[in-house]
C-alpha atoms as a PDB file:
ATOM      1  CA  UNK A   1      78.870 130.767 139.492  1.00  0.00           C
ATOM      2  CA  UNK A   2      82.217 129.237 138.577  1.00  0.00           C
ATOM      3  CA  UNK A   3      83.740 128.868 135.113  1.00  0.00           C
ATOM      4  CA  UNK A   4      83.161 125.449 133.547  1.00  0.00           C
ATOM      5  CA  UNK A   5      86.631 125.555 132.012  1.00  0.00           C
ATOM      6  CA  UNK A   6      88.977 126.720 134.768  1.00  0.00           C
ATOM      7  CA  UNK A   7      86.785 126.962 137.882  1.00  0.00           C
ATOM      8  CA  UNK A   8      87.377 130.687 138.426  1.00  0.00           C
ATOM      9  CA  UNK A   9      84.567 132.775 139.918  1.00  0.00           C
ATOM     10  CA  UNK A  10      85.728 135.888 138.056  1.00  0.00           C
ATOM     11  CA  UNK A  11      82.881 136.017 135.503  1.00  0.00           C
ATOM     12  CA  UNK A  12      81.489 139.194 133.986  1.00  0.00           C
ATOM     13  CA  UNK A  13      78.298 139.666 131.969  1.00  0.00           C
ATOM     14  CA  UNK A  14      78.289 141.404 128.589  1.00  0.00           C
ATOM     15  CA  UNK A  15      75.789 141.970 125.790  1.00  0.00           C
ATOM     16  CA  UNK A  16      76.714 140.286 122.540  1.00  0.00           C
ATOM     17  CA  UNK A  17      75.702 139.493 119.016  1.00  0.00           C
ATOM     18  CA  UNK A  18      76.466 136.431 116.946  1.00  0.00           C
ATOM     19  CA  UNK A  19      75.688 135.274 113.430  1.00  0.00           C
ATOM     20  CA  UNK A  20      75.368 131.486 113.407  1.00  0.00           C
ATOM     21  CA  UNK A  21      76.042 129.876 110.020  1.00  0.00           C
ATOM     22  CA  UNK A  22      75.153 126.333 109.006  1.00  0.00           C
ATOM     23  CA  UNK A  23      78.277 124.290 108.148  1.00  0.00           C
ATOM     24  CA  UNK A  24      79.453 123.144 104.741  1.00  0.00           C
ATOM     25  CA  UNK A  25      78.373 124.094 101.251  1.00  0.00           C
ATOM     26  CA  UNK A  26      74.773 123.132 102.028  1.00  0.00           C
ATOM     27  CA  UNK A  27      74.794 125.861 104.665  1.00  0.00           C
ATOM     28  CA  UNK A  28      75.044 128.509 101.951  1.00  0.00           C
ATOM     29  CA  UNK A  29      71.386 127.878 101.100  1.00  0.00           C
ATOM     30  CA  UNK A  30      70.241 128.124 104.727  1.00  0.00           C
ATOM     31  CA  UNK A  31      69.503 131.250 106.779  1.00  0.00           C
ATOM     32  CA  UNK A  32      72.063 133.013 108.927  1.00  0.00           C
ATOM     33  CA  UNK A  33      70.690 132.953 112.465  1.00  0.00           C
ATOM     34  CA  UNK A  34      71.308 136.177 114.392  1.00  0.00           C
ATOM     35  CA  UNK A  35      71.258 136.083 118.198  1.00  0.00           C
ATOM     36  CA  UNK A  36      71.856 138.855 120.721  1.00  0.00           C
ATOM     37  CA  UNK A  37      72.654 136.939 123.900  1.00  0.00           C
ATOM     38  CA  UNK A  38      73.845 137.899 127.339  1.00  0.00           C
ATOM     39  CA  UNK A  39      77.432 136.592 127.482  1.00  0.00           C
ATOM     40  CA  UNK A  40      79.119 135.324 130.630  1.00  0.00           C
ATOM     41  CA  UNK A  41      82.876 135.701 130.107  1.00  0.00           C
ATOM     42  CA  UNK A  42      85.477 134.238 132.460  1.00  0.00           C
ATOM     43  CA  UNK A  43      88.018 136.962 133.182  1.00  0.00           C
ATOM     44  CA  UNK A  44      90.647 134.326 134.035  1.00  0.00           C
ATOM     45  CA  UNK A  45      90.640 132.144 130.907  1.00  0.00           C
ATOM     46  CA  UNK A  46      88.199 133.751 128.437  1.00  0.00           C
ATOM     47  CA  UNK A  47      85.715 130.856 128.334  1.00  0.00           C
ATOM     48  CA  UNK A  48      82.330 132.262 127.311  1.00  0.00           C
ATOM     49  CA  UNK A  49      78.794 130.894 127.628  1.00  0.00           C
ATOM     50  CA  UNK A  50      75.464 132.004 126.194  1.00  0.00           C
ATOM     51  CA  UNK A  51      72.024 130.588 125.500  1.00  0.00           C
ATOM     52  CA  UNK A  52      70.309 130.672 122.114  1.00  0.00           C
ATOM     53  CA  UNK A  53      66.615 131.664 122.471  1.00  0.00           C
ATOM     54  CA  UNK A  54      63.964 129.070 121.528  1.00  0.00           C
ATOM     55  CA  UNK A  55      62.829 130.867 118.340  1.00  0.00           C
ATOM     56  CA  UNK A  56      66.390 130.876 116.977  1.00  0.00           C
ATOM     57  CA  UNK A  57      66.990 127.320 118.215  1.00  0.00           C
ATOM     58  CA  UNK A  58      63.963 126.245 116.151  1.00  0.00           C
ATOM     59  CA  UNK A  59      65.522 127.790 113.024  1.00  0.00           C
ATOM     60  CA  UNK A  60      68.787 125.935 113.727  1.00  0.00           C
ATOM     61  CA  UNK A  61      66.919 122.675 114.319  1.00  0.00           C
ATOM     62  CA  UNK A  62      64.693 122.932 111.213  1.00  0.00           C
ATOM     63  CA  UNK A  63      67.152 124.728 108.928  1.00  0.00           C
ATOM     64  CA  UNK A  64      64.531 127.110 107.550  1.00  0.00           C
ATOM     65  CA  UNK A  65      63.751 130.727 108.341  1.00  0.00           C
ATOM     66  CA  UNK A  66      60.416 131.486 110.089  1.00  0.00           C
ATOM     67  CA  UNK A  67      59.054 133.398 107.071  1.00  0.00           C
ATOM     68  CA  UNK A  68      59.831 130.447 104.788  1.00  0.00           C
ATOM     69  CA  UNK A  69      57.938 128.101 107.115  1.00  0.00           C
ATOM     70  CA  UNK A  70      54.716 130.133 106.969  1.00  0.00           C
END
């Protein structure tokens, strides 16, 4: 698979973790969304891709933590 940024085929997979924060001051009252994706990093330019799982995507879409929705 080639890099979407530079077209290189020198991609390497890594495990990662990311804390996704909602923007602005309103985001301070919303949950931090933790994801532990598989990262595909281009070794030529550093462009990185990952997919957020559906359960975490739902939190980002709705802006509320799963326990708060129950």
